[in-house]
Amino acid sequence: MSPPVEAIGIFEVSGFTPAMVGLDAMEKGAQVRVIQAELNDFLGTVIKIEGSVASVRSALAAGEQAAQRMGAKPIVAILPRPDEDALAKGIMSKQERSPLLDQNVVLDIRTETPSTAKSDANRQETKMSSNALALGFIETQGFTAVFEAIDAACKSANVEVVAKEKLGGGYITVVIRGDVAAVSAAIDSGKAKVEGLGKLIAAHVIARPSAQVMSLLPK
């Protein structure tokens, strides 16, 4: 029988980019483990973490501050010693694929050991050059805007597209990687193309992204 979970942290925010920025801050700010990420079909992303009460509280504060600096309004909560039945059947979700979005909307990594998650992230990082230490996110409401933005981004600097995520409600995020300078230049070029074509939700660079951010990128 597994030991009881000391605390669960809930971090919910509109948009994929603020969720990843918040997750990066949470993992770098405290000793916590991501157990699941879940998307709904209308803009929202929720990250579920576990750890000690103090660690979860510290992580949520760091994630909340990081997302707020982007103009997002995250909702956070701590569940100390969650009820086992509530956790298993109500808080954790079964694997689910959205026919509307044609992608998985429950990203469950709880079954991975920390060493496995870390080695998976390390394998992704080894594909990057030694100075390629950044992820860039362009998130828009509207396909045309994000297509124009990512084309401009890739033409302006030596970066690679690594993922595309859809949240519903017209929200689309494209993720690029490369060295910090190249990703920063690419994101600046991309977001300049959005005006008049759609709504810019977020344009952000994460330097040295955490292992869990890397593991939760769409495969």
N, C-alpha and C. Protein backbone atom coordinates (compact mmCIF):
# COMPACT_ATOMS: atom_id res chain seq x y z
N MET A 1 0.85 -1.20 0.00
CA MET A 1 0.00 0.00 0.00
C MET A 1 0.88 1.24 0.00
N SER A 2 0.62 2.15 -0.93
CA SER A 2 1.44 3.35 -1.04
C SER A 2 1.13 4.31 0.10
N PRO A 3 2.14 5.07 0.56
CA PRO A 3 1.91 6.03 1.64
C PRO A 3 0.96 7.12 1.21
N PRO A 4 0.22 7.72 2.14
CA PRO A 4 -0.71 8.79 1.77
C PRO A 4 0.02 9.99 1.20
N VAL A 5 -0.64 10.66 0.30
CA VAL A 5 -0.07 11.88 -0.30
C VAL A 5 -0.18 13.00 0.71
N GLU A 6 0.94 13.70 0.95
CA GLU A 6 0.92 14.77 1.95
C GLU A 6 0.12 15.97 1.47
N ALA A 7 0.31 16.37 0.23
CA ALA A 7 -0.45 17.52 -0.27
C ALA A 7 -0.49 17.50 -1.80
N ILE A 8 -1.62 17.96 -2.33
CA ILE A 8 -1.79 18.15 -3.77
C ILE A 8 -1.93 19.65 -4.02
N GLY A 9 -1.28 20.12 -5.06
CA GLY A 9 -1.42 21.51 -5.47
C GLY A 9 -2.12 21.59 -6.81
N ILE A 10 -3.02 22.53 -6.94
CA ILE A 10 -3.77 22.73 -8.18
C ILE A 10 -3.43 24.12 -8.73
N PHE A 11 -3.03 24.15 -9.99
CA PHE A 11 -2.68 25.41 -10.66
C PHE A 11 -3.47 25.45 -11.97
N GLU A 12 -4.44 26.32 -12.07
CA GLU A 12 -5.31 26.39 -13.25
C GLU A 12 -5.22 27.78 -13.86
N VAL A 13 -5.11 27.82 -15.19
CA VAL A 13 -4.95 29.10 -15.87
C VAL A 13 -5.45 28.98 -17.30
N SER A 14 -5.89 30.09 -17.86
CA SER A 14 -6.30 30.11 -19.27
C SER A 14 -5.06 30.23 -20.14
N GLY A 15 -4.96 29.33 -21.11
CA GLY A 15 -3.83 29.37 -22.03
C GLY A 15 -2.78 28.33 -21.69
N PHE A 16 -2.14 27.80 -22.72
CA PHE A 16 -1.09 26.79 -22.54
C PHE A 16 0.22 27.43 -22.13
N THR A 17 0.54 28.59 -22.72
CA THR A 17 1.81 29.24 -22.41
C THR A 17 1.92 29.65 -20.95
N PRO A 18 0.93 30.35 -20.37
CA PRO A 18 1.04 30.67 -18.94
C PRO A 18 1.14 29.43 -18.06
N ALA A 19 0.51 28.34 -18.47
CA ALA A 19 0.61 27.10 -17.70
C ALA A 19 2.03 26.57 -17.69
N MET A 20 2.71 26.58 -18.84
CA MET A 20 4.08 26.10 -18.91
C MET A 20 5.04 27.04 -18.18
N VAL A 21 4.79 28.33 -18.27
CA VAL A 21 5.62 29.30 -17.54
C VAL A 21 5.45 29.09 -16.04
N GLY A 22 4.19 28.90 -15.61
CA GLY A 22 3.94 28.63 -14.20
C GLY A 22 4.57 27.33 -13.74
N LEU A 23 4.47 26.29 -14.56
CA LEU A 23 5.05 25.00 -14.23
C LEU A 23 6.57 25.11 -14.08
N ASP A 24 7.21 25.81 -15.00
CA ASP A 24 8.66 25.99 -14.94
C ASP A 24 9.05 26.67 -13.63
N ALA A 25 8.32 27.71 -13.24
CA ALA A 25 8.61 28.41 -11.99
C ALA A 25 8.36 27.52 -10.78
N MET A 26 7.29 26.71 -10.83
CA MET A 26 6.98 25.82 -9.71
C MET A 26 8.07 24.78 -9.50
N GLU A 27 8.51 24.16 -10.60
CA GLU A 27 9.51 23.11 -10.46
C GLU A 27 10.86 23.67 -10.03
N LYS A 28 11.19 24.86 -10.50
CA LYS A 28 12.46 25.47 -10.11
C LYS A 28 12.41 26.06 -8.70
N GLY A 29 11.19 26.32 -8.20
CA GLY A 29 11.05 27.00 -6.93
C GLY A 29 10.90 26.10 -5.72
N ALA A 30 10.60 24.82 -5.92
CA ALA A 30 10.36 23.95 -4.77
C ALA A 30 10.46 22.49 -5.19
N GLN A 31 10.60 21.60 -4.19
CA GLN A 31 10.68 20.17 -4.44
C GLN A 31 9.27 19.59 -4.54
N VAL A 32 8.74 19.63 -5.76
CA VAL A 32 7.42 19.07 -6.02
C VAL A 32 7.50 18.20 -7.25
N ARG A 33 6.46 17.40 -7.46
CA ARG A 33 6.40 16.53 -8.64
C ARG A 33 5.08 16.73 -9.35
N VAL A 34 5.15 16.89 -10.65
CA VAL A 34 3.93 16.99 -11.45
C VAL A 34 3.34 15.60 -11.59
N ILE A 35 2.05 15.46 -11.29
CA ILE A 35 1.42 14.15 -11.42
C ILE A 35 0.46 14.09 -12.61
N GLN A 36 -0.02 15.24 -13.05
CA GLN A 36 -0.93 15.24 -14.20
C GLN A 36 -1.15 16.66 -14.70
N ALA A 37 -1.34 16.78 -15.99
CA ALA A 37 -1.80 18.03 -16.60
C ALA A 37 -3.05 17.71 -17.39
N GLU A 38 -3.99 18.64 -17.38
CA GLU A 38 -5.27 18.37 -18.03
C GLU A 38 -5.71 19.62 -18.78
N LEU A 39 -6.20 19.42 -19.99
CA LEU A 39 -6.69 20.52 -20.82
C LEU A 39 -8.21 20.39 -20.94
N ASN A 40 -8.91 21.52 -20.94
CA ASN A 40 -10.32 21.42 -21.30
C ASN A 40 -10.48 21.93 -22.72
N ASP A 41 -11.68 21.88 -23.26
CA ASP A 41 -11.86 22.25 -24.66
C ASP A 41 -12.24 23.72 -24.81
N PHE A 42 -12.01 24.50 -23.75
CA PHE A 42 -12.27 25.93 -23.88
C PHE A 42 -11.24 26.72 -23.08
N LEU A 43 -10.02 26.71 -23.58
CA LEU A 43 -8.94 27.60 -23.15
C LEU A 43 -8.15 27.16 -21.93
N GLY A 44 -8.68 26.34 -21.05
CA GLY A 44 -8.04 26.14 -19.76
C GLY A 44 -7.02 25.03 -19.70
N THR A 45 -6.04 25.20 -18.82
CA THR A 45 -5.04 24.18 -18.51
C THR A 45 -4.91 24.09 -17.00
N VAL A 46 -4.88 22.86 -16.46
CA VAL A 46 -4.66 22.69 -15.03
C VAL A 46 -3.45 21.78 -14.84
N ILE A 47 -2.57 22.19 -13.92
CA ILE A 47 -1.40 21.40 -13.55
C ILE A 47 -1.62 20.91 -12.14
N LYS A 48 -1.40 19.60 -11.91
CA LYS A 48 -1.56 19.01 -10.59
C LYS A 48 -0.19 18.56 -10.10
N ILE A 49 0.19 19.01 -8.90
CA ILE A 49 1.50 18.68 -8.34
C ILE A 49 1.32 18.03 -6.98
N GLU A 50 2.36 17.34 -6.51
CA GLU A 50 2.32 16.77 -5.17
C GLU A 50 3.65 17.01 -4.47
N GLY A 51 3.61 16.99 -3.14
CA GLY A 51 4.80 17.20 -2.32
C GLY A 51 4.38 17.50 -0.91
N SER A 52 5.32 18.00 -0.11
CA SER A 52 4.97 18.41 1.24
C SER A 52 4.11 19.67 1.17
N VAL A 53 3.38 19.94 2.25
CA VAL A 53 2.53 21.13 2.27
C VAL A 53 3.35 22.38 2.02
N ALA A 54 4.50 22.48 2.69
CA ALA A 54 5.34 23.67 2.54
C ALA A 54 5.86 23.81 1.11
N SER A 55 6.29 22.68 0.52
CA SER A 55 6.82 22.72 -0.84
C SER A 55 5.74 23.07 -1.86
N VAL A 56 4.56 22.48 -1.69
CA VAL A 56 3.46 22.77 -2.61
C VAL A 56 3.05 24.24 -2.50
N ARG A 57 2.99 24.75 -1.28
CA ARG A 57 2.63 26.15 -1.08
C ARG A 57 3.66 27.07 -1.75
N SER A 58 4.94 26.76 -1.56
CA SER A 58 6.00 27.57 -2.15
C SER A 58 5.97 27.50 -3.68
N ALA A 59 5.74 26.29 -4.21
CA ALA A 59 5.70 26.12 -5.66
C ALA A 59 4.53 26.88 -6.27
N LEU A 60 3.36 26.77 -5.67
CA LEU A 60 2.19 27.47 -6.20
C LEU A 60 2.39 28.98 -6.19
N ALA A 61 3.02 29.50 -5.13
CA ALA A 61 3.28 30.93 -5.07
C ALA A 61 4.20 31.37 -6.19
N ALA A 62 5.24 30.56 -6.47
CA ALA A 62 6.17 30.89 -7.54
C ALA A 62 5.48 30.83 -8.90
N GLY A 63 4.66 29.80 -9.11
CA GLY A 63 3.94 29.67 -10.38
C GLY A 63 2.94 30.78 -10.58
N GLU A 64 2.23 31.13 -9.51
CA GLU A 64 1.23 32.20 -9.59
C GLU A 64 1.89 33.52 -9.95
N GLN A 65 3.00 33.84 -9.32
CA GLN A 65 3.70 35.09 -9.61
C GLN A 65 4.20 35.14 -11.05
N ALA A 66 4.75 34.01 -11.52
CA ALA A 66 5.26 33.96 -12.89
C ALA A 66 4.15 34.18 -13.91
N ALA A 67 3.00 33.53 -13.70
CA ALA A 67 1.88 33.69 -14.63
C ALA A 67 1.29 35.09 -14.56
N GLN A 68 1.22 35.65 -13.36
CA GLN A 68 0.68 37.00 -13.21
C GLN A 68 1.54 38.03 -13.91
N ARG A 69 2.85 37.81 -13.94
CA ARG A 69 3.74 38.74 -14.65
C ARG A 69 3.44 38.76 -16.14
N MET A 70 2.81 37.71 -16.65
CA MET A 70 2.41 37.66 -18.06
C MET A 70 1.03 38.26 -18.28
N GLY A 71 0.38 38.65 -17.20
CA GLY A 71 -0.98 39.17 -17.30
C GLY A 71 -2.05 38.12 -17.13
N ALA A 72 -1.66 36.89 -16.82
CA ALA A 72 -2.62 35.81 -16.61
C ALA A 72 -3.18 35.88 -15.19
N LYS A 73 -4.30 35.19 -14.97
CA LYS A 73 -4.95 35.18 -13.66
C LYS A 73 -5.18 33.74 -13.21
N PRO A 74 -4.12 33.10 -12.72
CA PRO A 74 -4.24 31.70 -12.32
C PRO A 74 -5.09 31.53 -11.06
N ILE A 75 -5.69 30.35 -10.94
CA ILE A 75 -6.40 29.94 -9.73
C ILE A 75 -5.58 28.83 -9.10
N VAL A 76 -5.25 28.95 -7.82
CA VAL A 76 -4.43 27.95 -7.16
C VAL A 76 -5.12 27.46 -5.89
N ALA A 77 -4.81 26.22 -5.52
CA ALA A 77 -5.37 25.65 -4.29
C ALA A 77 -4.45 24.56 -3.78
N ILE A 78 -4.40 24.40 -2.46
CA ILE A 78 -3.65 23.33 -1.81
C ILE A 78 -4.65 22.39 -1.14
N LEU A 79 -4.48 21.09 -1.37
CA LEU A 79 -5.33 20.08 -0.75
C LEU A 79 -4.45 19.23 0.17
N PRO A 80 -4.37 19.56 1.47
CA PRO A 80 -3.55 18.76 2.38
C PRO A 80 -4.17 17.39 2.61
N ARG A 81 -3.35 16.35 2.61
CA ARG A 81 -3.79 14.98 2.83
C ARG A 81 -5.13 14.68 2.15
N PRO A 82 -5.15 14.73 0.83
CA PRO A 82 -6.42 14.52 0.12
C PRO A 82 -7.01 13.14 0.40
N ASP A 83 -8.32 13.10 0.44
CA ASP A 83 -9.03 11.83 0.61
C ASP A 83 -8.65 10.89 -0.54
N GLU A 84 -8.36 9.62 -0.21
CA GLU A 84 -7.91 8.68 -1.23
C GLU A 84 -8.93 8.48 -2.33
N ASP A 85 -10.20 8.36 -1.97
CA ASP A 85 -11.24 8.14 -2.98
C ASP A 85 -11.41 9.39 -3.85
N ALA A 86 -11.36 10.55 -3.21
CA ALA A 86 -11.48 11.81 -3.97
C ALA A 86 -10.32 11.96 -4.94
N LEU A 87 -9.11 11.61 -4.47
CA LEU A 87 -7.93 11.73 -5.32
C LEU A 87 -8.00 10.78 -6.51
N ALA A 88 -8.32 9.52 -6.22
CA ALA A 88 -8.30 8.49 -7.26
C ALA A 88 -9.41 8.66 -8.28
N LYS A 89 -10.60 9.07 -7.84
CA LYS A 89 -11.76 9.07 -8.73
C LYS A 89 -12.25 10.45 -9.14
N GLY A 90 -11.83 11.47 -8.40
CA GLY A 90 -12.33 12.80 -8.72
C GLY A 90 -11.29 13.79 -9.16
N ILE A 91 -10.11 13.73 -8.54
CA ILE A 91 -9.06 14.72 -8.85
C ILE A 91 -8.21 14.24 -10.02
N MET A 92 -7.76 12.99 -9.96
CA MET A 92 -7.01 12.43 -11.08
C MET A 92 -7.99 11.98 -12.16
N SER A 93 -7.61 12.20 -13.41
CA SER A 93 -8.49 11.86 -14.54
C SER A 93 -7.92 10.71 -15.34
N LYS A 94 -8.80 9.94 -15.95
CA LYS A 94 -8.38 8.87 -16.84
C LYS A 94 -7.89 9.48 -18.15
N GLN A 95 -7.09 8.70 -18.86
CA GLN A 95 -6.61 9.15 -20.16
C GLN A 95 -7.81 9.46 -21.06
N GLU A 96 -7.73 10.56 -21.75
CA GLU A 96 -8.86 11.00 -22.56
C GLU A 96 -8.34 11.71 -23.82
N ARG A 97 -9.02 11.44 -24.92
CA ARG A 97 -8.66 12.11 -26.18
C ARG A 97 -9.87 12.89 -26.66
N SER A 98 -9.64 14.15 -26.99
CA SER A 98 -10.73 14.99 -27.46
C SER A 98 -10.92 14.82 -28.96
N PRO A 99 -12.11 14.37 -29.40
CA PRO A 99 -12.35 14.28 -30.84
C PRO A 99 -12.42 15.66 -31.49
N LEU A 100 -12.79 16.66 -30.72
CA LEU A 100 -12.86 18.02 -31.26
C LEU A 100 -11.47 18.56 -31.55
N LEU A 101 -10.54 18.35 -30.59
CA LEU A 101 -9.18 18.85 -30.76
C LEU A 101 -8.27 17.85 -31.45
N ASP A 102 -8.71 16.57 -31.52
CA ASP A 102 -7.93 15.48 -32.09
C ASP A 102 -6.57 15.36 -31.39
N GLN A 103 -6.59 15.38 -30.06
CA GLN A 103 -5.37 15.21 -29.28
C GLN A 103 -5.72 14.80 -27.87
N ASN A 104 -4.73 14.29 -27.15
CA ASN A 104 -4.95 13.93 -25.76
C ASN A 104 -5.16 15.18 -24.92
N VAL A 105 -6.10 15.10 -23.99
CA VAL A 105 -6.37 16.25 -23.12
C VAL A 105 -6.05 15.94 -21.66
N VAL A 106 -5.62 14.71 -21.37
CA VAL A 106 -5.11 14.36 -20.05
C VAL A 106 -3.68 13.87 -20.24
N LEU A 107 -2.74 14.59 -19.66
CA LEU A 107 -1.32 14.27 -19.80
C LEU A 107 -0.85 13.72 -18.47
N ASP A 108 -0.83 12.40 -18.35
CA ASP A 108 -0.56 11.75 -17.07
C ASP A 108 0.86 11.24 -17.03
N ILE A 109 1.65 11.75 -16.10
CA ILE A 109 3.03 11.27 -15.97
C ILE A 109 3.27 10.67 -14.60
N ARG A 110 2.21 10.41 -13.84
CA ARG A 110 2.38 9.91 -12.48
C ARG A 110 3.05 8.54 -12.45
N THR A 111 2.83 7.73 -13.48
CA THR A 111 3.39 6.38 -13.48
C THR A 111 4.88 6.39 -13.78
N GLU A 112 5.41 7.51 -14.25
CA GLU A 112 6.84 7.59 -14.52
C GLU A 112 7.59 7.81 -13.22
N THR A 113 8.74 7.16 -13.06
CA THR A 113 9.58 7.45 -11.91
C THR A 113 10.31 8.75 -12.18
N PRO A 114 10.77 9.46 -11.13
CA PRO A 114 11.52 10.69 -11.37
C PRO A 114 12.71 10.48 -12.28
N SER A 115 13.40 9.33 -12.14
CA SER A 115 14.57 9.09 -12.97
C SER A 115 14.18 8.91 -14.43
N THR A 116 13.02 8.25 -14.66
CA THR A 116 12.55 8.07 -16.03
C THR A 116 12.18 9.40 -16.65
N ALA A 117 11.44 10.20 -15.89
CA ALA A 117 11.05 11.52 -16.41
C ALA A 117 12.27 12.35 -16.72
N LYS A 118 13.28 12.26 -15.83
CA LYS A 118 14.48 13.06 -16.04
C LYS A 118 15.24 12.57 -17.26
N SER A 119 15.36 11.25 -17.44
CA SER A 119 16.10 10.73 -18.58
C SER A 119 15.39 11.07 -19.88
N ASP A 120 14.03 11.07 -19.87
CA ASP A 120 13.29 11.46 -21.07
C ASP A 120 13.59 12.91 -21.41
N ALA A 121 13.59 13.77 -20.40
CA ALA A 121 13.89 15.18 -20.64
C ALA A 121 15.32 15.35 -21.12
N ASN A 122 16.25 14.56 -20.53
CA ASN A 122 17.64 14.65 -20.94
C ASN A 122 17.82 14.23 -22.39
N ARG A 123 17.06 13.19 -22.80
CA ARG A 123 17.15 12.76 -24.20
C ARG A 123 16.70 13.86 -25.14
N GLN A 124 15.65 14.60 -24.74
CA GLN A 124 15.20 15.70 -25.58
C GLN A 124 16.25 16.79 -25.62
N GLU A 125 16.89 17.07 -24.46
CA GLU A 125 17.86 18.14 -24.41
C GLU A 125 19.11 17.80 -25.21
N THR A 126 19.47 16.50 -25.30
CA THR A 126 20.67 16.16 -26.04
C THR A 126 20.50 16.41 -27.52
N LYS A 127 19.25 16.53 -27.99
CA LYS A 127 19.02 16.84 -29.39
C LYS A 127 19.34 18.31 -29.68
N MET A 128 19.44 19.10 -28.63
CA MET A 128 19.74 20.50 -28.78
C MET A 128 21.24 20.70 -28.68
N SER A 129 21.77 21.71 -29.32
CA SER A 129 23.19 22.02 -29.20
C SER A 129 23.47 22.47 -27.78
N SER A 130 24.75 22.51 -27.41
CA SER A 130 25.12 22.80 -26.03
C SER A 130 24.64 24.16 -25.56
N ASN A 131 24.46 25.11 -26.48
CA ASN A 131 24.00 26.44 -26.07
C ASN A 131 22.52 26.65 -26.38
N ALA A 132 21.83 25.59 -26.83
CA ALA A 132 20.41 25.71 -27.16
C ALA A 132 19.59 25.44 -25.91
N LEU A 133 19.35 26.48 -25.15
CA LEU A 133 18.81 26.30 -23.80
C LEU A 133 17.52 27.06 -23.58
N ALA A 134 16.73 27.24 -24.60
CA ALA A 134 15.50 28.01 -24.43
C ALA A 134 14.35 27.41 -25.23
N LEU A 135 13.14 27.61 -24.70
CA LEU A 135 11.91 27.33 -25.42
C LEU A 135 11.19 28.66 -25.65
N GLY A 136 10.59 28.81 -26.80
CA GLY A 136 9.80 29.99 -27.11
C GLY A 136 8.37 29.58 -27.41
N PHE A 137 7.41 30.36 -26.90
CA PHE A 137 5.99 30.07 -27.08
C PHE A 137 5.31 31.24 -27.77
N ILE A 138 4.58 30.96 -28.84
CA ILE A 138 3.69 31.95 -29.45
C ILE A 138 2.29 31.37 -29.40
N GLU A 139 1.41 32.04 -28.70
CA GLU A 139 0.04 31.57 -28.53
C GLU A 139 -0.91 32.65 -29.05
N THR A 140 -1.81 32.25 -29.92
CA THR A 140 -2.76 33.19 -30.52
C THR A 140 -4.17 32.61 -30.47
N GLN A 141 -5.12 33.46 -30.72
CA GLN A 141 -6.49 33.02 -30.96
C GLN A 141 -6.72 33.19 -32.44
N GLY A 142 -6.65 32.11 -33.16
CA GLY A 142 -6.77 32.15 -34.62
C GLY A 142 -5.61 31.46 -35.30
N PHE A 143 -5.89 30.61 -36.27
CA PHE A 143 -4.87 29.86 -36.98
C PHE A 143 -3.99 30.76 -37.85
N THR A 144 -4.61 31.65 -38.60
CA THR A 144 -3.84 32.48 -39.53
C THR A 144 -2.74 33.24 -38.80
N ALA A 145 -3.10 33.80 -37.65
CA ALA A 145 -2.13 34.58 -36.88
C ALA A 145 -0.94 33.73 -36.45
N VAL A 146 -1.19 32.53 -35.94
CA VAL A 146 -0.08 31.73 -35.45
C VAL A 146 0.75 31.18 -36.61
N PHE A 147 0.11 30.89 -37.75
CA PHE A 147 0.87 30.41 -38.90
C PHE A 147 1.81 31.50 -39.42
N GLU A 148 1.29 32.72 -39.52
CA GLU A 148 2.11 33.84 -39.97
C GLU A 148 3.24 34.09 -38.97
N ALA A 149 2.91 34.04 -37.68
CA ALA A 149 3.90 34.32 -36.65
C ALA A 149 5.02 33.29 -36.64
N ILE A 150 4.67 32.02 -36.74
CA ILE A 150 5.72 31.01 -36.63
C ILE A 150 6.58 30.99 -37.89
N ASP A 151 6.00 31.31 -39.04
CA ASP A 151 6.80 31.41 -40.26
C ASP A 151 7.82 32.53 -40.13
N ALA A 152 7.38 33.68 -39.63
CA ALA A 152 8.29 34.80 -39.44
C ALA A 152 9.36 34.47 -38.40
N ALA A 153 8.96 33.78 -37.35
CA ALA A 153 9.91 33.41 -36.30
C ALA A 153 11.01 32.51 -36.84
N CYS A 154 10.63 31.50 -37.60
CA CYS A 154 11.61 30.56 -38.13
C CYS A 154 12.52 31.18 -39.18
N LYS A 155 12.01 32.15 -39.91
CA LYS A 155 12.82 32.83 -40.93
C LYS A 155 13.82 33.80 -40.31
N SER A 156 13.52 34.26 -39.10
CA SER A 156 14.34 35.33 -38.52
C SER A 156 15.52 34.82 -37.71
N ALA A 157 15.51 33.54 -37.31
CA ALA A 157 16.58 33.03 -36.45
C ALA A 157 16.68 31.51 -36.59
N ASN A 158 17.78 30.98 -36.11
CA ASN A 158 18.02 29.54 -36.19
C ASN A 158 17.31 28.83 -35.04
N VAL A 159 16.04 28.51 -35.26
CA VAL A 159 15.23 27.83 -34.25
C VAL A 159 14.52 26.65 -34.89
N GLU A 160 14.00 25.78 -34.05
CA GLU A 160 13.30 24.58 -34.50
C GLU A 160 11.92 24.54 -33.86
N VAL A 161 10.90 24.22 -34.65
CA VAL A 161 9.55 24.03 -34.12
C VAL A 161 9.49 22.63 -33.49
N VAL A 162 9.05 22.57 -32.23
CA VAL A 162 9.03 21.28 -31.54
C VAL A 162 7.63 20.82 -31.15
N ALA A 163 6.65 21.70 -31.16
CA ALA A 163 5.32 21.28 -30.73
C ALA A 163 4.26 22.28 -31.16
N LYS A 164 3.01 21.78 -31.28
CA LYS A 164 1.85 22.64 -31.47
C LYS A 164 0.74 22.11 -30.57
N GLU A 165 0.10 23.00 -29.83
CA GLU A 165 -0.95 22.61 -28.89
C GLU A 165 -2.21 23.42 -29.16
N LYS A 166 -3.38 22.75 -29.18
CA LYS A 166 -4.67 23.42 -29.34
C LYS A 166 -5.47 23.27 -28.07
N LEU A 167 -6.09 24.37 -27.62
CA LEU A 167 -6.88 24.32 -26.39
C LEU A 167 -8.37 24.48 -26.64
N GLY A 168 -8.79 24.68 -27.85
CA GLY A 168 -10.19 25.02 -28.09
C GLY A 168 -10.37 26.52 -27.98
N GLY A 169 -11.54 26.98 -28.33
CA GLY A 169 -11.79 28.42 -28.30
C GLY A 169 -10.91 29.19 -29.26
N GLY A 170 -10.30 28.49 -30.20
CA GLY A 170 -9.43 29.16 -31.16
C GLY A 170 -8.01 29.36 -30.67
N TYR A 171 -7.66 28.90 -29.45
CA TYR A 171 -6.31 29.09 -28.91
C TYR A 171 -5.36 28.05 -29.49
N ILE A 172 -4.27 28.50 -30.07
CA ILE A 172 -3.24 27.61 -30.61
C ILE A 172 -1.89 28.12 -30.15
N THR A 173 -1.05 27.19 -29.68
CA THR A 173 0.30 27.52 -29.26
C THR A 173 1.30 26.75 -30.11
N VAL A 174 2.32 27.44 -30.60
CA VAL A 174 3.44 26.78 -31.27
C VAL A 174 4.68 27.01 -30.42
N VAL A 175 5.46 25.95 -30.23
CA VAL A 175 6.64 25.99 -29.38
C VAL A 175 7.89 25.80 -30.23
N ILE A 176 8.88 26.65 -30.02
CA ILE A 176 10.16 26.54 -30.72
C ILE A 176 11.28 26.38 -29.71
N ARG A 177 12.43 25.93 -30.18
CA ARG A 177 13.60 25.85 -29.30
C ARG A 177 14.85 26.24 -30.05
N GLY A 178 15.86 26.60 -29.29
CA GLY A 178 17.14 27.03 -29.82
C GLY A 178 17.90 27.71 -28.71
N ASP A 179 18.99 28.41 -29.05
CA ASP A 179 19.68 29.13 -27.98
C ASP A 179 18.87 30.36 -27.58
N VAL A 180 19.17 30.91 -26.43
CA VAL A 180 18.34 31.98 -25.86
C VAL A 180 18.23 33.16 -26.80
N ALA A 181 19.35 33.59 -27.38
CA ALA A 181 19.34 34.76 -28.26
C ALA A 181 18.48 34.51 -29.49
N ALA A 182 18.63 33.33 -30.08
CA ALA A 182 17.87 33.02 -31.30
C ALA A 182 16.37 32.92 -31.00
N VAL A 183 16.02 32.25 -29.92
CA VAL A 183 14.61 32.11 -29.56
C VAL A 183 14.00 33.47 -29.24
N SER A 184 14.73 34.30 -28.52
CA SER A 184 14.23 35.64 -28.20
C SER A 184 13.98 36.46 -29.46
N ALA A 185 14.92 36.41 -30.40
CA ALA A 185 14.76 37.14 -31.66
C ALA A 185 13.58 36.59 -32.46
N ALA A 186 13.45 35.28 -32.47
CA ALA A 186 12.37 34.65 -33.23
C ALA A 186 11.00 35.01 -32.65
N ILE A 187 10.88 34.98 -31.34
CA ILE A 187 9.61 35.31 -30.70
C ILE A 187 9.25 36.77 -30.96
N ASP A 188 10.22 37.66 -30.89
CA ASP A 188 9.97 39.09 -31.19
C ASP A 188 9.47 39.26 -32.62
N SER A 189 10.09 38.56 -33.56
CA SER A 189 9.66 38.66 -34.95
C SER A 189 8.28 38.07 -35.15
N GLY A 190 8.01 36.94 -34.50
CA GLY A 190 6.73 36.29 -34.66
C GLY A 190 5.57 37.10 -34.11
N LYS A 191 5.73 37.63 -32.92
CA LYS A 191 4.59 38.35 -32.32
C LYS A 191 4.28 39.64 -33.07
N ALA A 192 5.26 40.20 -33.77
CA ALA A 192 5.02 41.41 -34.55
C ALA A 192 4.10 41.15 -35.74
N LYS A 193 3.98 39.88 -36.14
CA LYS A 193 3.16 39.53 -37.30
C LYS A 193 1.70 39.25 -36.96
N VAL A 194 1.39 39.18 -35.68
CA VAL A 194 0.05 38.75 -35.27
C VAL A 194 -0.98 39.86 -35.47
N GLU A 195 -0.60 41.10 -35.24
CA GLU A 195 -1.55 42.21 -35.28
C GLU A 195 -2.31 42.25 -36.60
N GLY A 196 -3.62 42.32 -36.50
CA GLY A 196 -4.48 42.39 -37.68
C GLY A 196 -4.92 41.03 -38.20
N LEU A 197 -4.26 39.97 -37.73
CA LEU A 197 -4.58 38.63 -38.21
C LEU A 197 -5.32 37.80 -37.16
N GLY A 198 -5.16 38.17 -35.92
CA GLY A 198 -5.76 37.43 -34.82
C GLY A 198 -5.37 38.09 -33.52
N LYS A 199 -5.63 37.41 -32.42
CA LYS A 199 -5.35 37.96 -31.09
C LYS A 199 -4.13 37.26 -30.49
N LEU A 200 -3.14 38.06 -30.09
CA LEU A 200 -1.97 37.51 -29.42
C LEU A 200 -2.32 37.22 -27.97
N ILE A 201 -2.22 35.95 -27.58
CA ILE A 201 -2.49 35.56 -26.20
C ILE A 201 -1.21 35.61 -25.38
N ALA A 202 -0.12 35.12 -25.94
CA ALA A 202 1.15 35.13 -25.23
C ALA A 202 2.30 34.95 -26.20
N ALA A 203 3.43 35.57 -25.86
CA ALA A 203 4.68 35.37 -26.58
C ALA A 203 5.76 35.39 -25.50
N HIS A 204 6.40 34.25 -25.27
CA HIS A 204 7.25 34.15 -24.08
C HIS A 204 8.43 33.21 -24.35
N VAL A 205 9.53 33.49 -23.65
CA VAL A 205 10.74 32.67 -23.73
C VAL A 205 11.03 32.10 -22.35
N ILE A 206 11.26 30.79 -22.28
CA ILE A 206 11.71 30.15 -21.05
C ILE A 206 13.15 29.70 -21.25
N ALA A 207 14.07 30.31 -20.53
CA ALA A 207 15.47 29.90 -20.59
C ALA A 207 15.69 28.70 -19.68
N ARG A 208 16.46 27.75 -20.15
CA ARG A 208 16.74 26.53 -19.39
C ARG A 208 15.46 25.91 -18.81
N PRO A 209 14.54 25.48 -19.67
CA PRO A 209 13.25 24.96 -19.18
C PRO A 209 13.43 23.75 -18.28
N SER A 210 12.53 23.64 -17.31
CA SER A 210 12.59 22.52 -16.37
C SER A 210 12.27 21.20 -17.06
N ALA A 211 12.64 20.11 -16.39
CA ALA A 211 12.43 18.77 -16.96
C ALA A 211 10.95 18.49 -17.21
N GLN A 212 10.09 18.94 -16.30
CA GLN A 212 8.67 18.64 -16.46
C GLN A 212 8.05 19.45 -17.59
N VAL A 213 8.53 20.66 -17.82
CA VAL A 213 8.05 21.42 -18.97
C VAL A 213 8.39 20.66 -20.25
N MET A 214 9.60 20.17 -20.34
CA MET A 214 10.02 19.40 -21.52
C MET A 214 9.16 18.15 -21.68
N SER A 215 8.86 17.47 -20.57
CA SER A 215 8.11 16.21 -20.67
C SER A 215 6.64 16.42 -21.03
N LEU A 216 6.10 17.61 -20.76
CA LEU A 216 4.68 17.86 -21.03
C LEU A 216 4.44 18.51 -22.39
N LEU A 217 5.50 18.78 -23.14
CA LEU A 217 5.29 19.30 -24.49
C LEU A 217 4.58 18.24 -25.32
N PRO A 218 3.67 18.66 -26.19
CA PRO A 218 2.99 17.69 -27.07
C PRO A 218 4.01 16.89 -27.86
N LYS A 219 3.79 15.57 -27.91
CA LYS A 219 4.74 14.70 -28.62
C LYS A 219 4.45 14.70 -30.11
